[in-house]
PDB file of all heavy atoms in Angstrom:
ATOM      1  N   LYS A   1      88.588 112.844 106.069  1.00  0.00           N
ATOM      2  CA  LYS A   1      88.020 111.589 105.566  1.00  0.00           C
ATOM      3  C   LYS A   1      88.142 111.429 104.056  1.00  0.00           C
ATOM      4  O   LYS A   1      88.005 110.334 103.536  1.00  0.00           O
ATOM      5  CB  LYS A   1      86.566 111.478 105.983  1.00  0.00           C
ATOM      6  CG  LYS A   1      86.415 111.337 107.472  1.00  0.00           C
ATOM      7  CD  LYS A   1      84.992 111.168 107.885  1.00  0.00           C
ATOM      8  CE  LYS A   1      84.924 111.054 109.399  1.00  0.00           C
ATOM      9  NZ  LYS A   1      83.615 110.802 109.890  1.00  0.00           N
ATOM     10  N   ARG A   2      88.406 112.489 103.329  1.00  0.00           N
ATOM     11  CA  ARG A   2      88.498 112.392 101.870  1.00  0.00           C
ATOM     12  C   ARG A   2      89.726 111.614 101.422  1.00  0.00           C
ATOM     13  O   ARG A   2      89.775 111.118 100.304  1.00  0.00           O
ATOM     14  CB  ARG A   2      88.502 113.785 101.247  1.00  0.00           C
ATOM     15  CG  ARG A   2      87.167 114.485 101.422  1.00  0.00           C
ATOM     16  CD  ARG A   2      87.241 115.838 100.821  1.00  0.00           C
ATOM     17  NE  ARG A   2      88.241 116.602 101.580  1.00  0.00           N
ATOM     18  CZ  ARG A   2      88.407 117.898 101.507  1.00  0.00           C
ATOM     19  NH1 ARG A   2      87.680 118.601 100.696  1.00  0.00           N
ATOM     20  NH2 ARG A   2      89.316 118.522 102.242  1.00  0.00           N
ATOM     21  N   TYR A   3      90.736 111.481 102.283  1.00  0.00           N
ATOM     22  CA  TYR A   3      91.958 110.770 101.891  1.00  0.00           C
ATOM     23  C   TYR A   3      91.690 109.299 101.617  1.00  0.00           C
ATOM     24  O   TYR A   3      92.429 108.651 100.888  1.00  0.00           O
ATOM     25  CB  TYR A   3      93.056 110.904 102.946  1.00  0.00           C
ATOM     26  CG  TYR A   3      92.825 110.070 104.192  1.00  0.00           C
ATOM     27  CD1 TYR A   3      93.239 108.752 104.248  1.00  0.00           C
ATOM     28  CD2 TYR A   3      92.187 110.610 105.301  1.00  0.00           C
ATOM     29  CE1 TYR A   3      93.022 107.982 105.379  1.00  0.00           C
ATOM     30  CE2 TYR A   3      91.974 109.849 106.430  1.00  0.00           C
ATOM     31  CZ  TYR A   3      92.389 108.542 106.463  1.00  0.00           C
ATOM     32  OH  TYR A   3      92.165 107.785 107.573  1.00  0.00           O
ATOM     33  N   ARG A   4      90.619 108.759 102.182  1.00  0.00           N
ATOM     34  CA  ARG A   4      90.335 107.330 102.017  1.00  0.00           C
ATOM     35  C   ARG A   4      90.097 106.960 100.560  1.00  0.00           C
ATOM     36  O   ARG A   4      90.287 105.829 100.167  1.00  0.00           O
ATOM     37  CB  ARG A   4      89.145 106.930 102.873  1.00  0.00           C
ATOM     38  CG  ARG A   4      89.468 106.988 104.346  1.00  0.00           C
ATOM     39  CD  ARG A   4      88.310 106.571 105.178  1.00  0.00           C
ATOM     40  NE  ARG A   4      88.639 106.758 106.585  1.00  0.00           N
ATOM     41  CZ  ARG A   4      87.809 106.549 107.563  1.00  0.00           C
ATOM     42  NH1 ARG A   4      86.583 106.151 107.314  1.00  0.00           N
ATOM     43  NH2 ARG A   4      88.183 106.738 108.804  1.00  0.00           N
ATOM     44  N   ARG A   5      89.651 107.903  99.766  1.00  0.00           N
ATOM     45  CA  ARG A   5      89.420 107.636  98.347  1.00  0.00           C
ATOM     46  C   ARG A   5      90.731 107.490  97.588  1.00  0.00           C
ATOM     47  O   ARG A   5      90.768 106.923  96.519  1.00  0.00           O
ATOM     48  CB  ARG A   5      88.570 108.753  97.735  1.00  0.00           C
ATOM     49  CG  ARG A   5      87.132 108.679  98.188  1.00  0.00           C
ATOM     50  CD  ARG A   5      86.310 109.731  97.482  1.00  0.00           C
ATOM     51  NE  ARG A   5      85.740 110.558  98.531  1.00  0.00           N
ATOM     52  CZ  ARG A   5      85.639 111.858  98.502  1.00  0.00           C
ATOM     53  NH1 ARG A   5      86.050 112.529  97.468  1.00  0.00           N
ATOM     54  NH2 ARG A   5      85.105 112.522  99.504  1.00  0.00           N
ATOM     55  N   LEU A   6      91.782 108.052  98.131  1.00  0.00           N
ATOM     56  CA  LEU A   6      93.101 107.967  97.493  1.00  0.00           C
ATOM     57  C   LEU A   6      93.903 106.873  98.198  1.00  0.00           C
ATOM     58  O   LEU A   6      94.452 107.080  99.272  1.00  0.00           O
ATOM     59  CB  LEU A   6      93.814 109.319  97.580  1.00  0.00           C
ATOM     60  CG  LEU A   6      93.041 110.491  96.957  1.00  0.00           C
ATOM     61  CD1 LEU A   6      93.691 111.811  97.320  1.00  0.00           C
ATOM     62  CD2 LEU A   6      92.961 110.321  95.455  1.00  0.00           C
ATOM     63  N   ARG A   7      93.933 105.715  97.607  1.00  0.00           N
ATOM     64  CA  ARG A   7      94.484 104.517  98.246  1.00  0.00           C
ATOM     65  C   ARG A   7      95.902 104.712  98.791  1.00  0.00           C
ATOM     66  O   ARG A   7      96.207 104.291  99.903  1.00  0.00           O
ATOM     67  CB  ARG A   7      94.442 103.359  97.255  1.00  0.00           C
ATOM     68  CG  ARG A   7      94.821 102.039  97.864  1.00  0.00           C
ATOM     69  CD  ARG A   7      94.534 100.913  96.890  1.00  0.00           C
ATOM     70  NE  ARG A   7      95.012  99.662  97.373  1.00  0.00           N
ATOM     71  CZ  ARG A   7      94.368  98.869  98.213  1.00  0.00           C
ATOM     72  NH1 ARG A   7      93.213  99.234  98.674  1.00  0.00           N
ATOM     73  NH2 ARG A   7      94.883  97.721  98.583  1.00  0.00           N
ATOM     74  N   LEU A   8      96.771 105.343  98.012  1.00  0.00           N
ATOM     75  CA  LEU A   8      98.148 105.530  98.456  1.00  0.00           C
ATOM     76  C   LEU A   8      98.218 106.408  99.707  1.00  0.00           C
ATOM     77  O   LEU A   8      98.971 106.109 100.639  1.00  0.00           O
ATOM     78  CB  LEU A   8      98.984 106.135  97.325  1.00  0.00           C
ATOM     79  CG  LEU A   8     100.490 106.031  97.479  1.00  0.00           C
ATOM     80  CD1 LEU A   8     100.934 104.593  97.670  1.00  0.00           C
ATOM     81  CD2 LEU A   8     101.173 106.629  96.259  1.00  0.00           C
ATOM     82  N   LEU A   9      97.420 107.469  99.753  1.00  0.00           N
ATOM     83  CA  LEU A   9      97.385 108.315 100.955  1.00  0.00           C
ATOM     84  C   LEU A   9      96.821 107.540 102.134  1.00  0.00           C
ATOM     85  O   LEU A   9      97.303 107.677 103.260  1.00  0.00           O
ATOM     86  CB  LEU A   9      96.536 109.570 100.715  1.00  0.00           C
ATOM     87  CG  LEU A   9      97.099 110.629  99.787  1.00  0.00           C
ATOM     88  CD1 LEU A   9      96.170 111.833  99.744  1.00  0.00           C
ATOM     89  CD2 LEU A   9      98.493 111.055 100.184  1.00  0.00           C
ATOM     90  N   ASN A  10      95.802 106.743 101.879  1.00  0.00           N
ATOM     91  CA  ASN A  10      95.187 105.955 102.942  1.00  0.00           C
ATOM     92  C   ASN A  10      96.189 104.977 103.552  1.00  0.00           C
ATOM     93  O   ASN A  10      96.307 104.875 104.776  1.00  0.00           O
ATOM     94  CB  ASN A  10      93.973 105.206 102.389  1.00  0.00           C
ATOM     95  CG  ASN A  10      93.169 104.513 103.464  1.00  0.00           C
ATOM     96  OD1 ASN A  10      93.137 104.942 104.612  1.00  0.00           O
ATOM     97  ND2 ASN A  10      92.509 103.441 103.107  1.00  0.00           N
ATOM     98  N   ILE A  11      96.934 104.289 102.716  1.00  0.00           N
ATOM     99  CA  ILE A  11      97.926 103.328 103.208  1.00  0.00           C
ATOM    100  C   ILE A  11      98.993 104.035 104.031  1.00  0.00           C
ATOM    101  O   ILE A  11      99.342 103.591 105.134  1.00  0.00           O
ATOM    102  CB  ILE A  11      98.552 102.541 102.036  1.00  0.00           C
ATOM    103  CG1 ILE A  11      97.516 101.607 101.419  1.00  0.00           C
ATOM    104  CG2 ILE A  11      99.779 101.758 102.489  1.00  0.00           C
ATOM    105  CD1 ILE A  11      97.940 100.999 100.101  1.00  0.00           C
ATOM    106  N   ALA A  12      99.513 105.136 103.510  1.00  0.00           N
ATOM    107  CA  ALA A  12     100.547 105.887 104.234  1.00  0.00           C
ATOM    108  C   ALA A  12     100.024 106.390 105.577  1.00  0.00           C
ATOM    109  O   ALA A  12     100.713 106.299 106.601  1.00  0.00           O
ATOM    110  CB  ALA A  12     101.033 107.060 103.386  1.00  0.00           C
ATOM    111  N   TYR A  13      98.804 106.910 105.577  1.00  0.00           N
ATOM    112  CA  TYR A  13      98.224 107.463 106.794  1.00  0.00           C
ATOM    113  C   TYR A  13      98.008 106.378 107.852  1.00  0.00           C
ATOM    114  O   TYR A  13      98.422 106.529 109.002  1.00  0.00           O
ATOM    115  CB  TYR A  13      96.902 108.161 106.462  1.00  0.00           C
ATOM    116  CG  TYR A  13      96.247 108.801 107.655  1.00  0.00           C
ATOM    117  CD1 TYR A  13      96.730 109.991 108.174  1.00  0.00           C
ATOM    118  CD2 TYR A  13      95.160 108.206 108.272  1.00  0.00           C
ATOM    119  CE1 TYR A  13      96.135 110.583 109.270  1.00  0.00           C
ATOM    120  CE2 TYR A  13      94.567 108.792 109.368  1.00  0.00           C
ATOM    121  CZ  TYR A  13      95.050 109.975 109.866  1.00  0.00           C
ATOM    122  OH  TYR A  13      94.464 110.548 110.957  1.00  0.00           O
ATOM    123  N   VAL A  14      97.360 105.302 107.464  1.00  0.00           N
ATOM    124  CA  VAL A  14      97.064 104.228 108.427  1.00  0.00           C
ATOM    125  C   VAL A  14      98.357 103.615 108.972  1.00  0.00           C
ATOM    126  O   VAL A  14      98.483 103.388 110.172  1.00  0.00           O
ATOM    127  CB  VAL A  14      96.154 103.154 107.782  1.00  0.00           C
ATOM    128  CG1 VAL A  14      96.030 101.925 108.665  1.00  0.00           C
ATOM    129  CG2 VAL A  14      94.781 103.739 107.489  1.00  0.00           C
ATOM    130  N   PHE A  15      99.330 103.382 108.111  1.00  0.00           N
ATOM    131  CA  PHE A  15     100.618 102.839 108.542  1.00  0.00           C
ATOM    132  C   PHE A  15     101.262 103.753 109.593  1.00  0.00           C
ATOM    133  O   PHE A  15     101.728 103.288 110.634  1.00  0.00           O
ATOM    134  CB  PHE A  15     101.533 102.675 107.326  1.00  0.00           C
ATOM    135  CG  PHE A  15     102.919 102.212 107.665  1.00  0.00           C
ATOM    136  CD1 PHE A  15     103.174 100.869 107.896  1.00  0.00           C
ATOM    137  CD2 PHE A  15     103.971 103.111 107.744  1.00  0.00           C
ATOM    138  CE1 PHE A  15     104.457 100.434 108.203  1.00  0.00           C
ATOM    139  CE2 PHE A  15     105.249 102.692 108.050  1.00  0.00           C
ATOM    140  CZ  PHE A  15     105.495 101.350 108.279  1.00  0.00           C
ATOM    141  N   SER A  16     101.275 105.045 109.328  1.00  0.00           N
ATOM    142  CA  SER A  16     101.917 105.992 110.240  1.00  0.00           C
ATOM    143  C   SER A  16     101.147 106.150 111.542  1.00  0.00           C
ATOM    144  O   SER A  16     101.739 106.222 112.617  1.00  0.00           O
ATOM    145  CB  SER A  16     102.075 107.351 109.554  1.00  0.00           C
ATOM    146  OG  SER A  16     102.935 107.217 108.452  1.00  0.00           O
ATOM    147  N   VAL A  17      99.832 106.196 111.452  1.00  0.00           N
ATOM    148  CA  VAL A  17      99.016 106.330 112.662  1.00  0.00           C
ATOM    149  C   VAL A  17      99.189 105.110 113.559  1.00  0.00           C
ATOM    150  O   VAL A  17      99.295 105.233 114.778  1.00  0.00           O
ATOM    151  CB  VAL A  17      97.533 106.573 112.302  1.00  0.00           C
ATOM    152  CG1 VAL A  17      96.627 106.387 113.502  1.00  0.00           C
ATOM    153  CG2 VAL A  17      97.360 107.976 111.715  1.00  0.00           C
ATOM    154  N   MET A  18      99.264 103.917 112.963  1.00  0.00           N
ATOM    155  CA  MET A  18      99.421 102.714 113.773  1.00  0.00           C
ATOM    156  C   MET A  18     100.802 102.662 114.426  1.00  0.00           C
ATOM    157  O   MET A  18     100.940 102.199 115.557  1.00  0.00           O
ATOM    158  CB  MET A  18      99.169 101.457 112.935  1.00  0.00           C
ATOM    159  CG  MET A  18      97.739 101.321 112.453  1.00  0.00           C
ATOM    160  SD  MET A  18      96.488 101.388 113.787  1.00  0.00           S
ATOM    161  CE  MET A  18      95.778 102.994 113.550  1.00  0.00           C
ATOM    162  N   ASN A  19     101.817 103.173 113.756  1.00  0.00           N
ATOM    163  CA  ASN A  19     103.134 103.236 114.386  1.00  0.00           C
ATOM    164  C   ASN A  19     103.166 104.295 115.478  1.00  0.00           C
ATOM    165  O   ASN A  19     103.834 104.111 116.501  1.00  0.00           O
ATOM    166  CB  ASN A  19     104.227 103.467 113.340  1.00  0.00           C
ATOM    167  CG  ASN A  19     104.602 102.169 112.667  1.00  0.00           C
ATOM    168  OD1 ASN A  19     105.172 101.290 113.297  1.00  0.00           O
ATOM    169  ND2 ASN A  19     104.253 102.027 111.407  1.00  0.00           N
ATOM    170  N   ALA A  20     102.447 105.381 115.290  1.00  0.00           N
ATOM    171  CA  ALA A  20     102.335 106.392 116.357  1.00  0.00           C
ATOM    172  C   ALA A  20     101.608 105.795 117.566  1.00  0.00           C
ATOM    173  O   ALA A  20     101.961 106.069 118.712  1.00  0.00           O
ATOM    174  CB  ALA A  20     101.609 107.629 115.845  1.00  0.00           C
ATOM    175  N   ALA A  21     100.622 104.954 117.307  1.00  0.00           N
ATOM    176  CA  ALA A  21      99.895 104.301 118.404  1.00  0.00           C
ATOM    177  C   ALA A  21     100.824 103.382 119.199  1.00  0.00           C
ATOM    178  O   ALA A  21     100.670 103.237 120.414  1.00  0.00           O
ATOM    179  CB  ALA A  21      98.706 103.512 117.862  1.00  0.00           C
ATOM    180  N   ALA A  22     101.802 102.781 118.529  1.00  0.00           N
ATOM    181  CA  ALA A  22     102.776 101.943 119.236  1.00  0.00           C
ATOM    182  C   ALA A  22     103.589 102.788 120.215  1.00  0.00           C
ATOM    183  O   ALA A  22     103.876 102.355 121.334  1.00  0.00           O
ATOM    184  CB  ALA A  22     103.700 101.238 118.247  1.00  0.00           C
ATOM    185  N   LEU A  23     103.945 104.003 119.813  1.00  0.00           N
ATOM    186  CA  LEU A  23     104.680 104.897 120.717  1.00  0.00           C
ATOM    187  C   LEU A  23     103.808 105.338 121.881  1.00  0.00           C
ATOM    188  O   LEU A  23     104.269 105.402 123.024  1.00  0.00           O
ATOM    189  CB  LEU A  23     105.202 106.111 119.953  1.00  0.00           C
ATOM    190  CG  LEU A  23     106.303 105.845 118.941  1.00  0.00           C
ATOM    191  CD1 LEU A  23     106.660 107.118 118.187  1.00  0.00           C
ATOM    192  CD2 LEU A  23     107.531 105.261 119.613  1.00  0.00           C
ATOM    193  N   VAL A  24     102.548 105.634 121.603  1.00  0.00           N
ATOM    194  CA  VAL A  24     101.628 106.032 122.679  1.00  0.00           C
ATOM    195  C   VAL A  24     101.428 104.860 123.636  1.00  0.00           C
ATOM    196  O   VAL A  24     101.391 105.044 124.856  1.00  0.00           O
ATOM    197  CB  VAL A  24     100.297 106.538 122.099  1.00  0.00           C
ATOM    198  CG1 VAL A  24      99.249 106.715 123.171  1.00  0.00           C
ATOM    199  CG2 VAL A  24     100.520 107.857 121.354  1.00  0.00           C
ATOM    200  N   GLY A  25     101.304 103.646 123.094  1.00  0.00           N
ATOM    201  CA  GLY A  25     101.191 102.459 123.948  1.00  0.00           C
ATOM    202  C   GLY A  25     102.396 102.313 124.864  1.00  0.00           C
ATOM    203  O   GLY A  25     102.257 101.969 126.036  1.00  0.00           O
ATOM    204  N   LEU A  26     103.584 102.600 124.344  1.00  0.00           N
ATOM    205  CA  LEU A  26     104.798 102.559 125.165  1.00  0.00           C
ATOM    206  C   LEU A  26     104.732 103.614 126.263  1.00  0.00           C
ATOM    207  O   LEU A  26     105.057 103.334 127.425  1.00  0.00           O
ATOM    208  CB  LEU A  26     106.041 102.762 124.305  1.00  0.00           C
ATOM    209  CG  LEU A  26     107.375 102.861 125.058  1.00  0.00           C
ATOM    210  CD1 LEU A  26     107.652 101.591 125.852  1.00  0.00           C
ATOM    211  CD2 LEU A  26     108.512 103.162 124.087  1.00  0.00           C
ATOM    212  N   LEU A  27     104.288 104.817 125.915  1.00  0.00           N
ATOM    213  CA  LEU A  27     104.157 105.874 126.933  1.00  0.00           C
ATOM    214  C   LEU A  27     103.147 105.487 128.010  1.00  0.00           C
ATOM    215  O   LEU A  27     103.380 105.714 129.192  1.00  0.00           O
ATOM    216  CB  LEU A  27     103.759 107.198 126.280  1.00  0.00           C
ATOM    217  CG  LEU A  27     104.816 107.843 125.399  1.00  0.00           C
ATOM    218  CD1 LEU A  27     104.256 109.092 124.724  1.00  0.00           C
ATOM    219  CD2 LEU A  27     106.065 108.180 126.199  1.00  0.00           C
ATOM    220  N   TYR A  28     102.032 104.907 127.606  1.00  0.00           N
ATOM    221  CA  TYR A  28     101.046 104.425 128.588  1.00  0.00           C
ATOM    222  C   TYR A  28     101.693 103.418 129.534  1.00  0.00           C
ATOM    223  O   TYR A  28     101.510 103.470 130.742  1.00  0.00           O
ATOM    224  CB  TYR A  28      99.865 103.741 127.897  1.00  0.00           C
ATOM    225  CG  TYR A  28      98.883 104.638 127.208  1.00  0.00           C
ATOM    226  CD1 TYR A  28      97.927 104.101 126.354  1.00  0.00           C
ATOM    227  CD2 TYR A  28      98.880 106.024 127.384  1.00  0.00           C
ATOM    228  CE1 TYR A  28      97.000 104.892 125.709  1.00  0.00           C
ATOM    229  CE2 TYR A  28      97.957 106.822 126.743  1.00  0.00           C
ATOM    230  CZ  TYR A  28      97.022 106.254 125.904  1.00  0.00           C
ATOM    231  OH  TYR A  28      96.100 107.033 125.272  1.00  0.00           O
ATOM    232  N   PHE A  29     102.438 102.486 128.952  1.00  0.00           N
ATOM    233  CA  PHE A  29     103.074 101.444 129.754  1.00  0.00           C
ATOM    234  C   PHE A  29     104.094 102.040 130.721  1.00  0.00           C
ATOM    235  O   PHE A  29     104.112 101.700 131.905  1.00  0.00           O
ATOM    236  CB  PHE A  29     103.741 100.418 128.833  1.00  0.00           C
ATOM    237  CG  PHE A  29     104.482  99.348 129.577  1.00  0.00           C
ATOM    238  CD1 PHE A  29     103.789  98.354 130.243  1.00  0.00           C
ATOM    239  CD2 PHE A  29     105.867  99.338 129.626  1.00  0.00           C
ATOM    240  CE1 PHE A  29     104.465  97.368 130.928  1.00  0.00           C
ATOM    241  CE2 PHE A  29     106.549  98.361 130.317  1.00  0.00           C
ATOM    242  CZ  PHE A  29     105.843  97.370 130.969  1.00  0.00           C
ATOM    243  N   ILE A  30     104.957 102.926 130.228  1.00  0.00           N
ATOM    244  CA  ILE A  30     105.994 103.532 131.069  1.00  0.00           C
ATOM    245  C   ILE A  30     105.368 104.326 132.208  1.00  0.00           C
ATOM    246  O   ILE A  30     105.843 104.278 133.344  1.00  0.00           O
ATOM    247  CB  ILE A  30     106.925 104.429 130.223  1.00  0.00           C
ATOM    248  CG1 ILE A  30     107.789 103.560 129.314  1.00  0.00           C
ATOM    249  CG2 ILE A  30     107.785 105.327 131.098  1.00  0.00           C
ATOM    250  CD1 ILE A  30     108.566 104.345 128.270  1.00  0.00           C
ATOM    251  N   ARG A  31     104.304 105.048 131.912  1.00  0.00           N
ATOM    252  CA  ARG A  31     103.643 105.878 132.925  1.00  0.00           C
ATOM    253  C   ARG A  31     102.750 105.063 133.854  1.00  0.00           C
ATOM    254  O   ARG A  31     102.197 105.603 134.806  1.00  0.00           O
ATOM    255  CB  ARG A  31     102.818 106.970 132.247  1.00  0.00           C
ATOM    256  CG  ARG A  31     103.719 107.997 131.569  1.00  0.00           C
ATOM    257  CD  ARG A  31     102.994 109.086 130.820  1.00  0.00           C
ATOM    258  NE  ARG A  31     101.777 109.528 131.447  1.00  0.00           N
ATOM    259  CZ  ARG A  31     100.708 109.968 130.767  1.00  0.00           C
ATOM    260  NH1 ARG A  31     100.727 110.019 129.469  1.00  0.00           N
ATOM    261  NH2 ARG A  31      99.640 110.368 131.421  1.00  0.00           N
ATOM    262  N   GLY A  32     102.601 103.768 133.573  1.00  0.00           N
ATOM    263  CA  GLY A  32     101.771 102.922 134.425  1.00  0.00           C
ATOM    264  C   GLY A  32     100.290 103.155 134.222  1.00  0.00           C
ATOM    265  O   GLY A  32      99.474 102.798 135.068  1.00  0.00           O
ATOM    266  N   LYS A  33      99.929 103.733 133.101  1.00  0.00           N
ATOM    267  CA  LYS A  33      98.524 104.027 132.817  1.00  0.00           C
ATOM    268  C   LYS A  33      97.803 102.732 132.489  1.00  0.00           C
ATOM    269  O   LYS A  33      98.198 102.006 131.583  1.00  0.00           O
ATOM    270  CB  LYS A  33      98.441 105.015 131.647  1.00  0.00           C
ATOM    271  CG  LYS A  33      97.074 105.548 131.398  1.00  0.00           C
ATOM    272  CD  LYS A  33      97.137 106.648 130.344  1.00  0.00           C
ATOM    273  CE  LYS A  33      95.764 107.227 130.138  1.00  0.00           C
ATOM    274  NZ  LYS A  33      95.786 108.312 129.170  1.00  0.00           N
TER     275      LYS A  33
END
């Protein structure tokens, strides 16, 4: 949680996590979950 104080780290982290969520969403869809 300390990364939130560092704006650049926060932006990079949130951007990457949301793109990872897109891949997980695709896996859910493919698996019929």
